[in-house]
Amino acid sequence: MANLKARFEQAVADSKKLPEKPDNATLLQIYSLYKQATEGDVEGKRPGFTDMVGRAKWDAWNGQKGKDAATAMQEYVDLIESLK
């Protein structure tokens, strides 16, 4: 797990300097995997219709519900590697 955590932290750093900005769907996937890996399942109420960005982020994160941190970290690392 320590090796995975180090690779995850490196992928987080790498995500900030990708050659080109990913599309919105990919950005939501990056966000949701990061949140699931670092905080676990989403909590709280789904944002209302007026907060479209918050709602999209909440929905993406909620889609990761039940995924353990190690799996989310590995998927995050794999996704960032595929974008390099």
N, C-alpha and C. Protein backbone atom coordinates (compact mmCIF):
# COMPACT_ATOMS: atom_id res chain seq x y z
N MET A 1 0.84 -1.20 0.00
CA MET A 1 0.00 0.00 0.00
C MET A 1 0.88 1.26 0.00
N ALA A 2 2.02 1.20 0.66
CA ALA A 2 2.90 2.38 0.70
C ALA A 2 3.38 2.73 -0.70
N ASN A 3 3.71 1.71 -1.51
CA ASN A 3 4.14 1.93 -2.88
C ASN A 3 3.00 2.53 -3.71
N LEU A 4 1.80 2.02 -3.51
CA LEU A 4 0.63 2.54 -4.23
C LEU A 4 0.38 4.00 -3.83
N LYS A 5 0.50 4.29 -2.54
CA LYS A 5 0.29 5.67 -2.08
C LYS A 5 1.31 6.62 -2.72
N ALA A 6 2.56 6.18 -2.81
CA ALA A 6 3.60 7.01 -3.45
C ALA A 6 3.29 7.22 -4.93
N ARG A 7 2.85 6.16 -5.61
CA ARG A 7 2.50 6.28 -7.03
C ARG A 7 1.29 7.19 -7.22
N PHE A 8 0.33 7.09 -6.27
CA PHE A 8 -0.86 7.95 -6.31
C PHE A 8 -0.46 9.42 -6.14
N GLU A 9 0.39 9.69 -5.17
CA GLU A 9 0.83 11.07 -4.94
C GLU A 9 1.60 11.62 -6.14
N GLN A 10 2.38 10.77 -6.79
CA GLN A 10 3.09 11.19 -8.00
C GLN A 10 2.10 11.47 -9.13
N ALA A 11 1.07 10.64 -9.25
CA ALA A 11 0.05 10.85 -10.28
C ALA A 11 -0.72 12.15 -10.04
N VAL A 12 -0.97 12.47 -8.77
CA VAL A 12 -1.65 13.74 -8.44
C VAL A 12 -0.77 14.90 -8.93
N ALA A 13 0.53 14.83 -8.66
CA ALA A 13 1.45 15.88 -9.12
C ALA A 13 1.48 15.92 -10.65
N ASP A 14 1.51 14.76 -11.28
CA ASP A 14 1.55 14.68 -12.74
C ASP A 14 0.27 15.23 -13.37
N SER A 15 -0.85 15.07 -12.68
CA SER A 15 -2.14 15.52 -13.23
C SER A 15 -2.17 17.03 -13.44
N LYS A 16 -1.34 17.74 -12.70
CA LYS A 16 -1.30 19.20 -12.81
C LYS A 16 -0.47 19.67 -13.99
N LYS A 17 0.26 18.76 -14.63
CA LYS A 17 1.10 19.16 -15.76
C LYS A 17 0.94 18.21 -16.95
N LEU A 18 -0.30 17.87 -17.24
CA LEU A 18 -0.59 17.04 -18.41
C LEU A 18 -0.34 17.85 -19.68
N PRO A 19 0.03 17.19 -20.78
CA PRO A 19 0.32 17.92 -22.01
C PRO A 19 -0.86 18.73 -22.54
N GLU A 20 -2.08 18.21 -22.35
CA GLU A 20 -3.26 19.00 -22.74
C GLU A 20 -4.38 18.74 -21.75
N LYS A 21 -5.28 19.72 -21.64
CA LYS A 21 -6.38 19.62 -20.68
C LYS A 21 -7.37 18.54 -21.14
N PRO A 22 -7.70 17.60 -20.24
CA PRO A 22 -8.67 16.55 -20.60
C PRO A 22 -10.07 17.14 -20.80
N ASP A 23 -10.94 16.38 -21.47
CA ASP A 23 -12.32 16.83 -21.64
C ASP A 23 -13.04 16.77 -20.29
N ASN A 24 -14.23 17.36 -20.24
CA ASN A 24 -14.96 17.46 -18.97
C ASN A 24 -15.29 16.11 -18.35
N ALA A 25 -15.65 15.12 -19.17
CA ALA A 25 -15.97 13.80 -18.64
C ALA A 25 -14.75 13.18 -17.96
N THR A 26 -13.59 13.35 -18.57
CA THR A 26 -12.35 12.82 -17.99
C THR A 26 -11.99 13.57 -16.73
N LEU A 27 -12.17 14.89 -16.75
CA LEU A 27 -11.90 15.68 -15.54
C LEU A 27 -12.79 15.24 -14.39
N LEU A 28 -14.05 14.94 -14.67
CA LEU A 28 -14.95 14.46 -13.62
C LEU A 28 -14.50 13.10 -13.11
N GLN A 29 -13.99 12.25 -14.00
CA GLN A 29 -13.50 10.94 -13.57
C GLN A 29 -12.26 11.10 -12.68
N ILE A 30 -11.35 12.00 -13.07
CA ILE A 30 -10.16 12.28 -12.25
C ILE A 30 -10.59 12.77 -10.87
N TYR A 31 -11.51 13.73 -10.85
CA TYR A 31 -12.01 14.29 -9.59
C TYR A 31 -12.63 13.21 -8.71
N SER A 32 -13.53 12.41 -9.31
CA SER A 32 -14.26 11.43 -8.51
C SER A 32 -13.34 10.35 -7.95
N LEU A 33 -12.37 9.91 -8.74
CA LEU A 33 -11.43 8.90 -8.23
C LEU A 33 -10.55 9.48 -7.12
N TYR A 34 -10.12 10.73 -7.28
CA TYR A 34 -9.31 11.39 -6.25
C TYR A 34 -10.10 11.47 -4.94
N LYS A 35 -11.34 11.96 -5.03
CA LYS A 35 -12.16 12.11 -3.83
C LYS A 35 -12.45 10.77 -3.17
N GLN A 36 -12.73 9.74 -3.98
CA GLN A 36 -13.01 8.42 -3.43
C GLN A 36 -11.77 7.85 -2.75
N ALA A 37 -10.60 8.07 -3.35
CA ALA A 37 -9.35 7.56 -2.78
C ALA A 37 -8.98 8.27 -1.49
N THR A 38 -9.26 9.57 -1.41
CA THR A 38 -8.82 10.35 -0.25
C THR A 38 -9.88 10.52 0.84
N GLU A 39 -11.16 10.47 0.46
CA GLU A 39 -12.21 10.73 1.45
C GLU A 39 -13.24 9.62 1.59
N GLY A 40 -13.27 8.68 0.66
CA GLY A 40 -14.28 7.61 0.72
C GLY A 40 -15.58 8.04 0.06
N ASP A 41 -16.66 7.36 0.40
CA ASP A 41 -17.95 7.62 -0.22
C ASP A 41 -18.42 9.05 0.02
N VAL A 42 -19.10 9.61 -0.99
CA VAL A 42 -19.64 10.96 -0.90
C VAL A 42 -20.68 11.01 0.21
N GLU A 43 -20.72 12.14 0.91
CA GLU A 43 -21.70 12.35 1.97
C GLU A 43 -22.43 13.65 1.69
N GLY A 44 -23.55 13.84 2.34
CA GLY A 44 -24.29 15.08 2.18
C GLY A 44 -25.29 14.98 1.04
N LYS A 45 -26.07 16.05 0.91
CA LYS A 45 -27.11 16.07 -0.11
C LYS A 45 -26.56 16.47 -1.46
N ARG A 46 -27.21 16.00 -2.49
CA ARG A 46 -26.86 16.35 -3.87
C ARG A 46 -27.19 17.82 -4.09
N PRO A 47 -26.26 18.59 -4.67
CA PRO A 47 -26.54 20.00 -4.93
C PRO A 47 -27.76 20.19 -5.83
N GLY A 48 -28.40 21.33 -5.72
CA GLY A 48 -29.61 21.62 -6.49
C GLY A 48 -29.33 21.94 -7.94
N PHE A 49 -30.39 22.17 -8.69
CA PHE A 49 -30.30 22.44 -10.13
C PHE A 49 -29.49 23.69 -10.45
N THR A 50 -29.45 24.65 -9.55
CA THR A 50 -28.74 25.90 -9.83
C THR A 50 -27.22 25.73 -9.76
N ASP A 51 -26.75 24.70 -9.09
CA ASP A 51 -25.31 24.43 -8.98
C ASP A 51 -24.95 23.27 -9.90
N MET A 52 -24.87 23.56 -11.21
CA MET A 52 -24.67 22.49 -12.18
C MET A 52 -23.29 21.84 -12.05
N VAL A 53 -22.26 22.64 -11.76
CA VAL A 53 -20.91 22.08 -11.61
C VAL A 53 -20.84 21.21 -10.36
N GLY A 54 -21.34 21.73 -9.25
CA GLY A 54 -21.35 20.95 -8.01
C GLY A 54 -22.14 19.66 -8.16
N ARG A 55 -23.24 19.75 -8.87
CA ARG A 55 -24.09 18.57 -9.10
C ARG A 55 -23.36 17.53 -9.94
N ALA A 56 -22.67 17.96 -10.99
CA ALA A 56 -21.91 17.03 -11.84
C ALA A 56 -20.80 16.36 -11.05
N LYS A 57 -20.10 17.14 -10.22
CA LYS A 57 -19.03 16.57 -9.39
C LYS A 57 -19.59 15.57 -8.39
N TRP A 58 -20.72 15.94 -7.75
CA TRP A 58 -21.34 15.05 -6.76
C TRP A 58 -21.76 13.75 -7.42
N ASP A 59 -22.39 13.84 -8.60
CA ASP A 59 -22.85 12.65 -9.32
C ASP A 59 -21.67 11.74 -9.69
N ALA A 60 -20.57 12.36 -10.17
CA ALA A 60 -19.40 11.58 -10.56
C ALA A 60 -18.81 10.86 -9.34
N TRP A 61 -18.69 11.59 -8.24
CA TRP A 61 -18.14 11.00 -7.02
C TRP A 61 -19.07 9.90 -6.50
N ASN A 62 -20.37 10.15 -6.53
CA ASN A 62 -21.34 9.17 -6.06
C ASN A 62 -21.28 7.90 -6.91
N GLY A 63 -20.87 8.03 -8.16
CA GLY A 63 -20.72 6.88 -9.03
C GLY A 63 -19.59 5.94 -8.60
N GLN A 64 -18.71 6.43 -7.75
CA GLN A 64 -17.59 5.62 -7.23
C GLN A 64 -17.94 4.95 -5.90
N LYS A 65 -19.15 5.16 -5.42
CA LYS A 65 -19.58 4.68 -4.09
C LYS A 65 -19.27 3.20 -3.90
N GLY A 66 -18.70 2.88 -2.75
CA GLY A 66 -18.40 1.49 -2.40
C GLY A 66 -17.02 1.03 -2.83
N LYS A 67 -16.34 1.82 -3.64
CA LYS A 67 -15.00 1.46 -4.11
C LYS A 67 -14.00 1.75 -2.99
N ASP A 68 -13.15 0.76 -2.69
CA ASP A 68 -12.17 0.99 -1.62
C ASP A 68 -11.06 1.93 -2.10
N ALA A 69 -10.35 2.52 -1.14
CA ALA A 69 -9.34 3.54 -1.43
C ALA A 69 -8.23 3.00 -2.34
N ALA A 70 -7.78 1.78 -2.11
CA ALA A 70 -6.69 1.22 -2.91
C ALA A 70 -7.10 1.07 -4.38
N THR A 71 -8.31 0.61 -4.60
CA THR A 71 -8.80 0.46 -5.97
C THR A 71 -8.92 1.82 -6.65
N ALA A 72 -9.47 2.79 -5.93
CA ALA A 72 -9.62 4.14 -6.49
C ALA A 72 -8.25 4.75 -6.79
N MET A 73 -7.29 4.54 -5.90
CA MET A 73 -5.93 5.06 -6.15
C MET A 73 -5.33 4.44 -7.40
N GLN A 74 -5.47 3.11 -7.54
CA GLN A 74 -4.89 2.43 -8.70
C GLN A 74 -5.56 2.91 -9.99
N GLU A 75 -6.88 3.07 -9.97
CA GLU A 75 -7.58 3.55 -11.17
C GLU A 75 -7.16 4.98 -11.50
N TYR A 76 -6.94 5.80 -10.47
CA TYR A 76 -6.48 7.17 -10.69
C TYR A 76 -5.11 7.18 -11.35
N VAL A 77 -4.19 6.37 -10.81
CA VAL A 77 -2.83 6.28 -11.36
C VAL A 77 -2.90 5.83 -12.82
N ASP A 78 -3.70 4.80 -13.10
CA ASP A 78 -3.82 4.28 -14.46
C ASP A 78 -4.39 5.34 -15.41
N LEU A 79 -5.38 6.08 -14.95
CA LEU A 79 -6.00 7.11 -15.78
C LEU A 79 -5.01 8.23 -16.10
N ILE A 80 -4.28 8.70 -15.11
CA ILE A 80 -3.30 9.76 -15.33
C ILE A 80 -2.20 9.28 -16.28
N GLU A 81 -1.75 8.05 -16.08
CA GLU A 81 -0.72 7.49 -16.98
C GLU A 81 -1.21 7.46 -18.42
N SER A 82 -2.48 7.15 -18.61
CA SER A 82 -3.02 7.06 -19.98
C SER A 82 -3.14 8.44 -20.63
N LEU A 83 -3.14 9.49 -19.82
CA LEU A 83 -3.29 10.85 -20.35
C LEU A 83 -1.95 11.53 -20.64
N LYS A 84 -0.86 10.92 -20.22
CA LYS A 84 0.47 11.53 -20.41
C LYS A 84 0.89 11.50 -21.85
